Amino acid sequence: MIAVFRYLKGCRQEEGENLFTLASNDRTRSNGLKLQQGRFRLDIRKKFLTVRVVKHLFGPLLSHIPLLSLYFQYIKRFYNESWERRYGRVIDEGTLTLLWSITVSIFSIGGLVGAIITTPIVKFFGRKHTLLINNVFAVMAALLMALCQLAGSFEMLLLGRIVMGIDAGVSLSALPIYLSEISPKEIRGALGQVTAIFICIGVFTAQVLGLPEIFGNESRWPYLFGVIVVPSLIQVGILPFLPESPHYLLLEKNDKSGAEKAFQTFFGKDDVSHELEESEAQRNVKLVSVLQLLRNRSVRWQIITVIITMACYQLCGLNAVSIPFQYVACNGSCLLLISIYMFSYLTVFIIFHFSGLAVERLGRRPLLIGGFGLMVIFFAVLTVSLTFQNHAYWLPYLSIFCILAIIASFCIGPGGIPFVLTGEFFQPSQKPAAFMIAGTVNWVSNFSVGLLFPFIQAGLLTFCFLVFAVVCLAGATYLFFVLPETKNKTINEISQAFAKRNKVTLEGQEMSQFPSERKSSEEQEHNFSSTLENGETKNNIL
């Protein structure tokens, strides 16, 4: 948020200099100056509104975090009763554990399906309409899961989990594409962090609504899944007022006028010729398939880095961290639980402001490595505090602090930066294939955690969180030795940083492969020359 405000402030200062030059050159144009000021104020409002509204697009992600751990005892009892009513016998413990694991992990199967079908859908319907259509899956999932107990069918819950996974897969694939095509580069990294923040907010919202006094009891637990429709309705009410992606309008629909208007709305300026030329330069670019990308030696370590960061993103243990929340606070009062959840909710917003600023100041590398490193420390301390929490009255509070610290560490870097890196590592022709690989790794890893964690927890008890500590440590170590800093770097510069590991030389590559970067360099030269000319004009006037 702070980075966004600084971007808007910078735009205002730049526009103010332009207005000063206009007034200095011809003081008789006072009416024209007032008109320019009025237009600028409107542009600033447009930019601010755009940023605020785009952030609301992440609303549906509130409901895509696995909520089942909050009332697993009620769901298992529902499975047992349904099984006994249907087959006349109690379900055995092994089958019940397997059925529970499938319930948790099947969400990821739907997510993988959603990620795969996103590419043809966004190409045919567009980015904005894909997000709108996707709300149909959210409503279907909400109805299936909210009514499963009333219908006495655990199959409805399983089917609802699959449909909700499809909804999440489409959201996490189509939304980064939409954001990358409408956001100015000055705030692109900050907006990339919004995904992680709203995921964390989703976790905390689910925990608050899952309190026994609200939905966390045997009679009302299915209705929490019906809350999914709330963010979906918010998105349906807001998204139609935003333009379609200008890249889609220009390249897929050949609507240059519509693309120009969309760029003007999102970027808040009248002259968008540079943006149109950049998009037009991609018209004749042939997209690279996944197999071709995997065979490309010049991006081999970029692909490996994306795979490892996305795997660590899911295997770092964030989805499992709500389990000890219930465990350490089960003997506390409702007021204590609400206080803990509200404090954690406030923590997320604080980290959100910090990470949005830090990602553009400190860069991607230190936040990503530091986030995983801090998670290693707090997972180790959490394991000790959970193991010995009955030996001292203050150890449960230490466990709660560690849980909050783990979530905060995740929000600092590992939660959003992997998606940003995937967009920064590859050329435009390679990005669809790269996002396909990243999405596949993301959902397969999520499936693995959901399927295996119940068995790991049953076997290792409180030591199960050491598994996540090892994953975070391995990820931080790899990134420390391999990942270069990508802040404010072009694709060509990032490729040069990986060239030695890939055992390729990029010196002979023609810059025609990077038309947008060449154009950006030329524009920077032009802006620098214009600045000198404006400075001379001001000196002459003074």
Protein backbone atom coordinates (compact mmCIF):
# COMPACT_ATOMS: atom_id res chain seq x y z
CA MET A 1 0.00 0.00 0.00
CA ILE A 2 2.82 2.42 0.88
CA ALA A 3 4.57 1.59 -2.37
CA VAL A 4 1.36 2.30 -4.25
CA PHE A 5 0.96 5.69 -2.58
CA ARG A 6 4.57 6.55 -3.41
CA TYR A 7 3.91 5.66 -7.02
CA LEU A 8 0.90 7.96 -7.10
CA LYS A 9 2.89 10.71 -5.37
CA GLY A 10 5.68 10.34 -7.93
CA CYS A 11 3.16 10.63 -10.76
CA ARG A 12 1.80 13.77 -9.18
CA GLN A 13 5.26 15.35 -8.85
CA GLU A 14 6.10 14.48 -12.45
CA GLU A 15 2.83 15.93 -13.67
CA GLY A 16 3.42 19.01 -11.54
CA GLU A 17 6.76 19.60 -13.27
CA ASN A 18 5.07 19.33 -16.64
CA LEU A 19 2.43 21.83 -15.58
CA PHE A 20 5.13 24.19 -14.31
CA THR A 21 6.91 24.05 -17.67
CA LEU A 22 3.66 24.72 -19.48
CA ALA A 23 2.93 27.73 -17.29
CA SER A 24 6.46 29.07 -17.61
CA ASN A 25 6.44 28.88 -21.38
CA ASP A 26 3.14 30.67 -21.74
CA ARG A 27 1.54 32.30 -18.71
CA THR A 28 -1.46 33.33 -20.77
CA ARG A 29 -2.70 29.75 -20.89
CA SER A 30 -4.23 29.82 -17.44
CA ASN A 31 -7.45 28.20 -18.55
CA GLY A 32 -5.54 25.41 -20.23
CA LEU A 33 -3.47 24.94 -17.10
CA LYS A 34 -6.58 24.60 -14.94
CA LEU A 35 -7.94 22.07 -17.41
CA GLN A 36 -4.69 20.06 -17.21
CA GLN A 37 -4.81 20.17 -13.41
CA GLY A 38 -8.39 18.96 -13.45
CA ARG A 39 -7.49 16.13 -15.78
CA PHE A 40 -4.57 15.18 -13.57
CA ARG A 41 -6.71 15.04 -10.46
CA LEU A 42 -9.08 12.78 -12.36
CA ASP A 43 -6.13 10.61 -13.43
CA ILE A 44 -4.96 10.26 -9.84
CA ARG A 45 -8.45 9.24 -8.77
CA LYS A 46 -8.52 6.69 -11.57
CA LYS A 47 -5.20 5.22 -10.51
CA PHE A 48 -6.16 5.06 -6.87
CA LEU A 49 -9.53 3.54 -7.72
CA THR A 50 -7.88 1.03 -10.03
CA VAL A 51 -5.47 -0.15 -7.35
CA ARG A 52 -8.21 -0.41 -4.74
CA VAL A 53 -10.60 -2.28 -7.04
CA VAL A 54 -7.95 -4.64 -8.38
CA LYS A 55 -7.13 -5.63 -4.81
CA HIS A 56 -10.76 -6.62 -4.33
CA LEU A 57 -10.37 -9.17 -7.11
CA PHE A 58 -8.53 -11.33 -4.61
CA GLY A 59 -11.69 -11.58 -2.54
CA PRO A 60 -12.62 -15.10 -3.63
CA LEU A 61 -9.25 -16.35 -2.37
CA LEU A 62 -10.61 -15.87 1.15
CA SER A 63 -12.59 -19.07 0.74
CA HIS A 64 -10.01 -21.25 -0.97
CA ILE A 65 -7.86 -22.03 2.07
CA PRO A 66 -8.58 -25.52 3.43
CA LEU A 67 -10.95 -24.86 6.32
CA LEU A 68 -11.49 -28.50 7.19
CA SER A 69 -8.91 -28.66 9.97
CA LEU A 70 -11.08 -26.33 12.05
CA TYR A 71 -13.80 -28.96 12.53
CA PHE A 72 -12.32 -32.25 11.46
CA GLN A 73 -13.98 -34.00 14.41
CA TYR A 74 -17.43 -32.91 13.20
CA ILE A 75 -16.75 -33.91 9.61
CA LYS A 76 -15.38 -37.32 10.64
CA ARG A 77 -18.46 -37.86 12.79
CA PHE A 78 -20.63 -36.87 9.81
CA TYR A 79 -18.79 -39.39 7.63
CA ASN A 80 -19.22 -42.11 10.25
CA GLU A 81 -22.94 -41.45 10.67
CA SER A 82 -23.55 -41.31 6.92
CA TRP A 83 -21.58 -44.52 6.39
CA GLU A 84 -23.43 -46.33 9.20
CA ARG A 85 -26.82 -45.13 7.97
CA ARG A 86 -26.05 -46.29 4.43
CA TYR A 87 -24.19 -49.58 5.06
CA GLY A 88 -25.37 -50.51 8.55
CA ARG A 89 -21.91 -50.61 10.12
CA VAL A 90 -19.36 -48.22 11.58
CA ILE A 91 -16.53 -47.20 9.28
CA ASP A 92 -13.12 -48.54 10.34
CA GLU A 93 -10.43 -46.10 11.45
CA GLY A 94 -8.11 -46.68 8.48
CA THR A 95 -10.85 -46.04 5.94
CA LEU A 96 -11.97 -42.96 7.85
CA THR A 97 -8.43 -41.53 7.86
CA LEU A 98 -8.07 -42.24 4.14
CA LEU A 99 -11.45 -40.63 3.42
CA TRP A 100 -10.42 -37.59 5.45
CA SER A 101 -7.13 -37.32 3.55
CA ILE A 102 -8.98 -37.49 0.24
CA THR A 103 -11.35 -34.77 1.42
CA VAL A 104 -8.44 -32.47 2.18
CA SER A 105 -6.30 -33.26 -0.86
CA ILE A 106 -9.02 -33.46 -3.50
CA PHE A 107 -9.18 -29.67 -3.42
CA SER A 108 -5.78 -29.65 -5.13
CA ILE A 109 -6.99 -31.96 -7.90
CA GLY A 110 -9.66 -29.40 -8.73
CA GLY A 111 -7.04 -26.66 -8.54
CA LEU A 112 -4.85 -28.48 -11.06
CA VAL A 113 -7.82 -28.88 -13.41
CA GLY A 114 -8.63 -25.19 -13.04
CA ALA A 115 -5.04 -24.20 -13.82
CA ILE A 116 -5.03 -26.35 -16.96
CA ILE A 117 -8.33 -25.05 -18.37
CA THR A 118 -7.47 -21.41 -17.68
CA THR A 119 -5.34 -20.90 -20.81
CA PRO A 120 -8.09 -21.64 -23.39
CA ILE A 121 -10.72 -19.86 -21.30
CA VAL A 122 -8.79 -16.59 -20.96
CA LYS A 123 -7.97 -16.70 -24.67
CA PHE A 124 -11.62 -17.12 -25.68
CA PHE A 125 -13.49 -15.08 -23.04
CA GLY A 126 -10.79 -12.65 -21.94
CA ARG A 127 -9.25 -12.08 -18.53
CA LYS A 128 -12.06 -10.11 -16.92
CA HIS A 129 -14.88 -12.32 -18.14
CA THR A 130 -12.97 -15.43 -17.08
CA LEU A 131 -12.89 -14.11 -13.52
CA LEU A 132 -16.59 -13.31 -13.71
CA ILE A 133 -17.53 -16.74 -15.07
CA ASN A 134 -15.38 -18.36 -12.43
CA ASN A 135 -17.81 -17.20 -9.74
CA VAL A 136 -20.25 -19.83 -11.01
CA PHE A 137 -17.90 -22.50 -9.65
CA ALA A 138 -17.75 -20.69 -6.31
CA VAL A 139 -21.54 -20.61 -5.96
CA MET A 140 -21.84 -24.28 -6.97
CA ALA A 141 -19.20 -25.28 -4.43
CA ALA A 142 -20.87 -23.26 -1.68
CA LEU A 143 -24.25 -24.90 -2.27
CA LEU A 144 -22.86 -28.43 -2.45
CA MET A 145 -20.86 -28.16 0.76
CA ALA A 146 -23.36 -26.11 2.75
CA LEU A 147 -26.17 -28.61 2.06
CA CYS A 148 -24.19 -31.85 2.41
CA GLN A 149 -25.21 -32.49 6.04
CA LEU A 150 -28.84 -31.67 5.32
CA ALA A 151 -28.84 -34.15 2.44
CA GLY A 152 -26.85 -36.73 4.42
CA SER A 153 -24.35 -37.16 1.58
CA PHE A 154 -20.61 -36.92 2.15
CA GLU A 155 -20.19 -37.21 -1.63
CA MET A 156 -21.61 -33.69 -1.91
CA LEU A 157 -18.81 -32.42 0.31
CA LEU A 158 -16.20 -34.20 -1.81
CA LEU A 159 -17.71 -32.86 -5.04
CA GLY A 160 -17.92 -29.39 -3.56
CA ARG A 161 -14.24 -29.55 -2.65
CA ILE A 162 -13.35 -30.43 -6.25
CA VAL A 163 -15.46 -27.59 -7.66
CA MET A 164 -13.98 -25.14 -5.15
CA GLY A 165 -10.53 -26.30 -6.23
CA ILE A 166 -11.39 -25.54 -9.86
CA ASP A 167 -12.49 -22.08 -8.78
CA ALA A 168 -9.19 -21.55 -6.95
CA GLY A 169 -7.14 -22.89 -9.86
CA VAL A 170 -8.75 -20.50 -12.32
CA SER A 171 -8.40 -17.56 -9.92
CA LEU A 172 -4.72 -18.16 -9.19
CA SER A 173 -3.97 -18.54 -12.92
CA ALA A 174 -6.14 -15.89 -14.58
CA LEU A 175 -5.67 -13.20 -11.95
CA PRO A 176 -1.85 -12.91 -12.18
CA ILE A 177 -2.19 -12.64 -15.96
CA TYR A 178 -4.76 -9.86 -15.61
CA LEU A 179 -2.71 -7.99 -13.01
CA SER A 180 0.53 -8.25 -14.98
CA GLU A 181 -1.19 -6.74 -18.03
CA ILE A 182 -2.87 -3.80 -16.30
CA SER A 183 -0.45 -2.76 -13.54
CA PRO A 184 2.32 -0.15 -14.01
CA LYS A 185 5.78 -1.58 -13.49
CA GLU A 186 6.41 0.81 -10.57
CA ILE A 187 3.93 -1.06 -8.37
CA ARG A 188 3.94 -4.49 -10.01
CA GLY A 189 5.99 -6.07 -7.23
CA ALA A 190 3.82 -4.54 -4.51
CA LEU A 191 0.64 -5.80 -6.15
CA GLY A 192 2.21 -9.24 -6.44
CA GLN A 193 2.28 -9.40 -2.64
CA VAL A 194 -1.50 -8.95 -2.44
CA THR A 195 -2.03 -12.65 -3.16
CA ALA A 196 -0.18 -13.74 -0.03
CA ILE A 197 -1.88 -11.14 2.12
CA PHE A 198 -5.38 -12.15 1.15
CA ILE A 199 -4.50 -15.82 1.61
CA CYS A 200 -3.44 -15.01 5.17
CA ILE A 201 -6.57 -12.94 5.69
CA GLY A 202 -8.57 -15.92 4.44
CA VAL A 203 -6.95 -18.18 7.03
CA PHE A 204 -7.72 -15.79 9.88
CA THR A 205 -11.25 -15.07 8.70
CA ALA A 206 -11.95 -18.79 8.60
CA GLN A 207 -10.54 -19.20 12.10
CA VAL A 208 -12.69 -16.41 13.50
CA LEU A 209 -15.85 -17.70 11.80
CA GLY A 210 -14.93 -21.20 12.97
CA LEU A 211 -15.25 -20.32 16.65
CA PRO A 212 -17.80 -22.51 18.50
CA GLU A 213 -20.05 -19.50 19.14
CA ILE A 214 -20.30 -18.80 15.39
CA PHE A 215 -19.99 -21.71 12.92
CA GLY A 216 -17.55 -24.03 14.69
CA ASN A 217 -20.07 -26.44 16.19
CA GLU A 218 -21.71 -29.69 15.13
CA SER A 219 -24.94 -28.16 13.87
CA ARG A 220 -23.61 -25.17 11.91
CA TRP A 221 -20.20 -26.18 10.48
CA PRO A 222 -21.49 -26.74 6.90
CA TYR A 223 -22.79 -23.18 6.68
CA LEU A 224 -19.30 -21.71 6.88
CA PHE A 225 -18.71 -23.04 3.38
CA GLY A 226 -21.66 -20.95 2.26
CA VAL A 227 -19.66 -17.83 3.14
CA ILE A 228 -17.82 -18.41 -0.15
CA VAL A 229 -20.61 -16.62 -1.99
CA VAL A 230 -19.93 -13.32 -0.17
CA PRO A 231 -16.57 -12.45 -1.80
CA SER A 232 -17.90 -13.83 -5.08
CA LEU A 233 -20.83 -11.41 -4.99
CA ILE A 234 -18.44 -8.56 -4.17
CA GLN A 235 -16.39 -9.42 -7.22
CA VAL A 236 -19.47 -9.66 -9.43
CA GLY A 237 -20.52 -6.21 -8.24
CA ILE A 238 -17.11 -4.55 -8.81
CA LEU A 239 -15.40 -6.29 -11.72
CA PRO A 240 -17.87 -5.28 -14.50
CA PHE A 241 -16.89 -1.63 -13.99
CA LEU A 242 -13.24 -2.35 -14.88
CA PRO A 243 -12.07 -2.54 -18.50
CA GLU A 244 -10.85 -5.73 -20.09
CA SER A 245 -7.12 -6.33 -20.34
CA PRO A 246 -5.73 -3.97 -23.00
CA HIS A 247 -3.39 -6.70 -24.24
CA TYR A 248 -6.34 -9.01 -24.83
CA LEU A 249 -8.33 -6.29 -26.59
CA LEU A 250 -5.44 -5.42 -28.89
CA LEU A 251 -3.95 -8.83 -29.65
CA GLU A 252 -7.00 -11.09 -29.55
CA LYS A 253 -9.84 -8.76 -30.54
CA ASN A 254 -7.89 -6.25 -32.69
CA ASP A 255 -9.69 -3.47 -30.81
CA LYS A 256 -7.04 -0.75 -30.75
CA SER A 257 -9.47 1.93 -29.60
CA GLY A 258 -10.68 -0.20 -26.69
CA ALA A 259 -7.11 -1.10 -25.75
CA GLU A 260 -6.13 2.57 -25.75
CA LYS A 261 -9.03 3.47 -23.46
CA ALA A 262 -8.17 0.57 -21.14
CA PHE A 263 -4.53 1.67 -20.90
CA GLN A 264 -5.64 5.24 -20.20
CA THR A 265 -7.92 4.05 -17.41
CA PHE A 266 -5.40 1.76 -15.73
CA PHE A 267 -2.33 3.96 -16.18
CA GLY A 268 -4.09 7.29 -15.62
CA LYS A 269 -2.57 9.19 -18.55
CA ASP A 270 -3.65 10.24 -22.04
CA ASP A 271 -0.49 9.33 -23.94
CA VAL A 272 -0.29 5.52 -23.97
CA SER A 273 1.43 5.17 -27.34
CA HIS A 274 4.43 3.46 -25.75
CA GLU A 275 2.23 0.84 -24.07
CA LEU A 276 0.35 0.23 -27.32
CA GLU A 277 3.62 -0.25 -29.21
CA GLU A 278 4.87 -2.70 -26.59
CA SER A 279 1.70 -4.75 -26.89
CA GLU A 280 1.74 -4.54 -30.68
CA ALA A 281 5.32 -5.87 -30.71
CA GLN A 282 4.04 -9.09 -29.14
CA ARG A 283 1.53 -9.74 -31.90
CA ASN A 284 3.89 -11.80 -34.04
CA VAL A 285 5.58 -13.53 -31.11
CA LYS A 286 5.11 -17.29 -31.32
CA LEU A 287 4.21 -18.84 -27.98
CA VAL A 288 6.53 -21.51 -26.63
CA SER A 289 5.08 -24.84 -25.52
CA VAL A 290 5.87 -26.43 -22.17
CA LEU A 291 8.04 -29.08 -23.84
CA GLN A 292 9.96 -26.46 -25.82
CA LEU A 293 10.52 -24.42 -22.67
CA LEU A 294 11.83 -27.45 -20.79
CA ARG A 295 14.24 -28.17 -23.65
CA ASN A 296 15.52 -24.58 -23.74
CA ARG A 297 18.96 -24.63 -22.15
CA SER A 298 19.09 -20.87 -21.63
CA VAL A 299 16.24 -20.96 -19.06
CA ARG A 300 17.06 -24.28 -17.39
CA TRP A 301 17.97 -22.85 -13.97
CA GLN A 302 15.10 -20.37 -14.13
CA ILE A 303 12.70 -23.30 -14.48
CA ILE A 304 14.40 -25.19 -11.63
CA THR A 305 14.16 -22.09 -9.43
CA VAL A 306 10.46 -21.64 -10.22
CA ILE A 307 9.77 -25.31 -9.45
CA ILE A 308 11.60 -25.16 -6.11
CA THR A 309 10.05 -21.87 -4.99
CA MET A 310 6.52 -22.99 -5.89
CA ALA A 311 7.04 -26.35 -4.17
CA CYS A 312 8.33 -24.64 -1.02
CA TYR A 313 5.41 -22.21 -1.23
CA GLN A 314 3.00 -25.11 -0.65
CA LEU A 315 5.21 -27.43 1.41
CA CYS A 316 6.25 -24.76 3.94
CA GLY A 317 3.37 -25.71 6.27
CA LEU A 318 1.12 -22.64 6.25
CA ASN A 319 -2.05 -24.67 5.70
CA ALA A 320 -1.20 -26.92 8.66
CA VAL A 321 -0.39 -24.14 11.10
CA SER A 322 -4.05 -23.65 12.12
CA ILE A 323 -4.12 -27.10 13.75
CA PRO A 324 -1.95 -26.17 16.78
CA PHE A 325 -3.97 -22.94 17.05
CA GLN A 326 -6.95 -25.04 18.10
CA TYR A 327 -4.76 -27.40 20.14
CA VAL A 328 -3.01 -24.85 22.35
CA ALA A 329 -6.12 -22.72 22.89
CA CYS A 330 -8.70 -25.43 23.43
CA ASN A 331 -8.81 -24.75 27.17
CA GLY A 332 -9.02 -20.98 26.77
CA SER A 333 -12.10 -18.85 26.94
CA CYS A 334 -13.96 -17.64 23.88
CA LEU A 335 -12.84 -14.09 24.63
CA LEU A 336 -9.21 -15.21 24.64
CA LEU A 337 -9.65 -17.01 21.32
CA ILE A 338 -11.29 -14.00 19.70
CA SER A 339 -8.52 -11.74 21.03
CA ILE A 340 -5.87 -14.03 19.57
CA TYR A 341 -7.56 -14.16 16.18
CA MET A 342 -8.10 -10.42 16.05
CA PHE A 343 -4.48 -9.75 16.95
CA SER A 344 -3.34 -12.13 14.22
CA TYR A 345 -5.67 -10.37 11.78
CA LEU A 346 -4.04 -7.05 12.69
CA THR A 347 -0.60 -8.62 12.28
CA VAL A 348 -1.38 -9.52 8.68
CA PHE A 349 -2.31 -5.95 7.80
CA ILE A 350 0.91 -4.65 9.38
CA ILE A 351 2.99 -7.16 7.43
CA PHE A 352 1.04 -6.24 4.29
CA HIS A 353 2.14 -2.61 4.52
CA PHE A 354 5.72 -3.62 5.26
CA SER A 355 6.02 -6.21 2.50
CA GLY A 356 4.46 -3.94 -0.13
CA LEU A 357 7.14 -1.35 0.63
CA ALA A 358 10.02 -3.74 1.20
CA VAL A 359 9.61 -5.74 -2.01
CA GLU A 360 10.44 -2.62 -4.05
CA ARG A 361 13.11 -1.35 -1.64
CA LEU A 362 14.93 -4.45 -0.40
CA GLY A 363 14.23 -6.63 -3.42
CA ARG A 364 12.89 -10.13 -3.91
CA ARG A 365 15.93 -12.16 -2.82
CA PRO A 366 16.36 -11.02 0.84
CA LEU A 367 12.62 -11.18 1.57
CA LEU A 368 12.26 -14.66 0.10
CA ILE A 369 15.33 -16.11 1.81
CA GLY A 370 14.63 -14.26 5.05
CA GLY A 371 11.00 -15.38 5.11
CA PHE A 372 11.90 -19.06 4.76
CA GLY A 373 14.75 -18.68 7.27
CA LEU A 374 12.46 -17.17 9.90
CA MET A 375 9.92 -19.94 9.34
CA VAL A 376 12.65 -22.53 10.10
CA ILE A 377 13.38 -20.88 13.44
CA PHE A 378 9.76 -20.49 14.51
CA PHE A 379 8.79 -24.02 13.42
CA ALA A 380 11.61 -25.37 15.61
CA VAL A 381 10.51 -23.29 18.60
CA LEU A 382 6.86 -24.26 17.99
CA THR A 383 7.80 -27.94 18.09
CA VAL A 384 9.54 -27.51 21.44
CA SER A 385 6.70 -25.45 22.95
CA LEU A 386 4.02 -27.91 21.82
CA THR A 387 5.99 -30.88 23.12
CA PHE A 388 6.47 -29.41 26.61
CA GLN A 389 3.44 -27.11 26.84
CA ASN A 390 2.07 -28.95 29.90
CA HIS A 391 5.26 -28.27 31.86
CA ALA A 392 4.85 -24.48 32.08
CA TYR A 393 1.83 -22.20 31.97
CA TRP A 394 3.49 -19.76 29.55
CA LEU A 395 4.42 -22.30 26.85
CA PRO A 396 0.97 -22.25 25.15
CA TYR A 397 1.36 -18.50 24.72
CA LEU A 398 4.79 -19.07 23.19
CA SER A 399 3.16 -21.52 20.77
CA ILE A 400 0.59 -18.92 19.76
CA PHE A 401 3.36 -16.37 19.22
CA CYS A 402 5.25 -18.85 17.02
CA ILE A 403 2.15 -19.49 14.91
CA LEU A 404 1.66 -15.77 14.37
CA ALA A 405 5.36 -15.38 13.55
CA ILE A 406 5.22 -18.23 11.02
CA ILE A 407 2.28 -16.64 9.22
CA ALA A 408 3.95 -13.22 9.30
CA SER A 409 7.18 -14.70 7.92
CA PHE A 410 5.20 -16.31 5.11
CA CYS A 411 3.55 -13.00 4.23
CA ILE A 412 6.89 -11.16 4.15
CA GLY A 413 8.17 -13.00 1.11
CA PRO A 414 7.35 -16.66 0.40
CA GLY A 415 3.65 -15.95 0.02
CA GLY A 416 3.73 -13.64 -2.99
CA ILE A 417 7.21 -13.41 -4.46
CA PRO A 418 7.18 -16.86 -6.19
CA PHE A 419 4.39 -15.61 -8.46
CA VAL A 420 6.34 -12.41 -9.15
CA LEU A 421 9.50 -14.34 -10.03
CA THR A 422 7.65 -16.51 -12.52
CA GLY A 423 6.59 -13.40 -14.41
CA GLU A 424 10.07 -11.83 -14.26
CA PHE A 425 12.21 -14.78 -15.35
CA PHE A 426 10.78 -15.37 -18.82
CA GLN A 427 10.12 -13.61 -22.10
CA PRO A 428 6.48 -12.89 -23.08
CA SER A 429 6.44 -15.87 -25.45
CA GLN A 430 7.57 -18.17 -22.61
CA LYS A 431 5.33 -16.90 -19.80
CA PRO A 432 2.19 -19.01 -20.51
CA ALA A 433 4.25 -22.22 -20.46
CA ALA A 434 6.14 -21.05 -17.37
CA PHE A 435 2.91 -20.31 -15.49
CA MET A 436 1.59 -23.72 -16.54
CA ILE A 437 4.65 -25.40 -14.99
CA ALA A 438 4.42 -23.25 -11.86
CA GLY A 439 0.70 -23.95 -11.47
CA THR A 440 1.18 -27.69 -11.88
CA VAL A 441 3.92 -27.78 -9.23
CA ASN A 442 1.79 -25.60 -6.96
CA TRP A 443 -1.25 -27.86 -7.01
CA VAL A 444 0.64 -31.17 -6.97
CA SER A 445 2.51 -29.98 -3.88
CA ASN A 446 -0.75 -28.86 -2.29
CA PHE A 447 -2.25 -32.28 -3.02
CA SER A 448 0.74 -34.02 -1.45
CA VAL A 449 0.47 -31.99 1.76
CA GLY A 450 -3.27 -32.57 2.06
CA LEU A 451 -2.97 -36.31 1.44
CA LEU A 452 0.09 -37.10 3.55
CA PHE A 453 -0.08 -34.64 6.45
CA PRO A 454 -2.80 -36.50 8.44
CA PHE A 455 -0.61 -39.62 8.42
CA ILE A 456 2.54 -37.60 9.24
CA GLN A 457 0.73 -35.91 12.12
CA ALA A 458 -0.53 -39.24 13.45
CA GLY A 459 2.96 -40.73 13.32
CA LEU A 460 5.14 -37.83 14.50
CA LEU A 461 2.65 -35.95 16.70
CA THR A 462 4.11 -32.56 17.67
CA PHE A 463 7.34 -33.32 15.79
CA CYS A 464 5.45 -33.21 12.48
CA PHE A 465 6.28 -29.50 12.09
CA LEU A 466 9.98 -30.32 11.84
CA VAL A 467 9.20 -31.68 8.37
CA PHE A 468 8.14 -28.19 7.29
CA ALA A 469 11.23 -26.71 8.95
CA VAL A 470 13.43 -28.97 6.82
CA VAL A 471 11.57 -27.93 3.66
CA CYS A 472 11.96 -24.22 4.48
CA LEU A 473 15.65 -24.70 5.30
CA ALA A 474 16.27 -26.51 2.00
CA GLY A 475 14.44 -23.79 0.07
CA ALA A 476 16.32 -20.96 1.78
CA THR A 477 19.67 -22.69 1.17
CA TYR A 478 18.97 -23.22 -2.52
CA LEU A 479 17.78 -19.65 -3.05
CA PHE A 480 20.80 -18.25 -1.19
CA PHE A 481 23.21 -19.88 -3.64
CA VAL A 482 21.18 -19.69 -6.88
CA LEU A 483 18.65 -16.84 -6.91
CA PRO A 484 19.90 -13.46 -8.24
CA GLU A 485 18.20 -10.19 -7.38
CA THR A 486 15.57 -9.28 -10.01
CA LYS A 487 14.40 -5.91 -8.67
CA ASN A 488 14.37 -3.25 -11.42
CA LYS A 489 16.07 -5.63 -13.86
CA THR A 490 15.03 -6.42 -17.41
CA ILE A 491 14.53 -9.94 -18.74
CA ASN A 492 17.86 -9.68 -20.56
CA GLU A 493 19.73 -8.73 -17.35
CA ILE A 494 18.10 -11.57 -15.43
CA SER A 495 19.03 -14.00 -18.21
CA GLN A 496 22.62 -12.76 -18.03
CA ALA A 497 22.64 -13.47 -14.28
CA PHE A 498 21.64 -17.09 -14.96
CA ALA A 499 23.84 -17.47 -18.06
CA LYS A 500 26.86 -18.91 -16.23
CA ARG A 501 24.81 -21.61 -14.52
CA ASN A 502 22.97 -22.38 -17.77
CA LYS A 503 26.36 -22.56 -19.55
CA VAL A 504 25.22 -20.27 -22.35
CA THR A 505 26.38 -16.87 -23.60
CA LEU A 506 23.86 -14.15 -24.34
CA GLU A 507 26.30 -11.58 -25.72
CA GLY A 508 25.49 -12.53 -29.28
CA GLN A 509 21.76 -12.26 -28.88
CA GLU A 510 20.18 -9.45 -30.79
CA MET A 511 18.10 -7.01 -28.81
CA SER A 512 15.31 -7.57 -31.30
CA GLN A 513 14.33 -10.49 -29.06
CA PHE A 514 13.62 -7.94 -26.35
CA PRO A 515 11.72 -5.22 -28.23
CA SER A 516 9.97 -3.90 -25.16
CA GLU A 517 13.27 -3.54 -23.31
CA ARG A 518 14.91 -1.76 -26.24
CA LYS A 519 11.93 0.56 -26.43
CA SER A 520 12.13 1.20 -22.69
CA SER A 521 15.81 2.12 -22.99
CA GLU A 522 15.11 4.48 -25.85
CA GLU A 523 12.29 6.04 -23.88
CA GLN A 524 14.54 6.53 -20.85
CA GLU A 525 17.09 8.31 -23.08
CA HIS A 526 14.35 10.50 -24.48
CA ASN A 527 13.02 11.28 -21.01
CA PHE A 528 16.55 12.14 -19.82
CA SER A 529 17.06 14.51 -22.77
CA SER A 530 13.67 16.08 -22.15
CA THR A 531 14.61 16.59 -18.50
CA LEU A 532 17.78 18.44 -19.52
CA GLU A 533 15.84 20.61 -21.94
CA ASN A 534 13.23 21.39 -19.29
CA GLY A 535 16.03 22.27 -16.86
CA GLU A 536 17.57 24.70 -19.35
CA THR A 537 14.17 26.27 -19.98
CA LYS A 538 13.59 26.75 -16.24
CA ASN A 539 17.04 28.28 -15.80
CA ASN A 540 16.39 30.72 -18.64
CA ILE A 541 13.03 31.70 -17.15
CA LEU A 542 14.54 32.19 -13.69
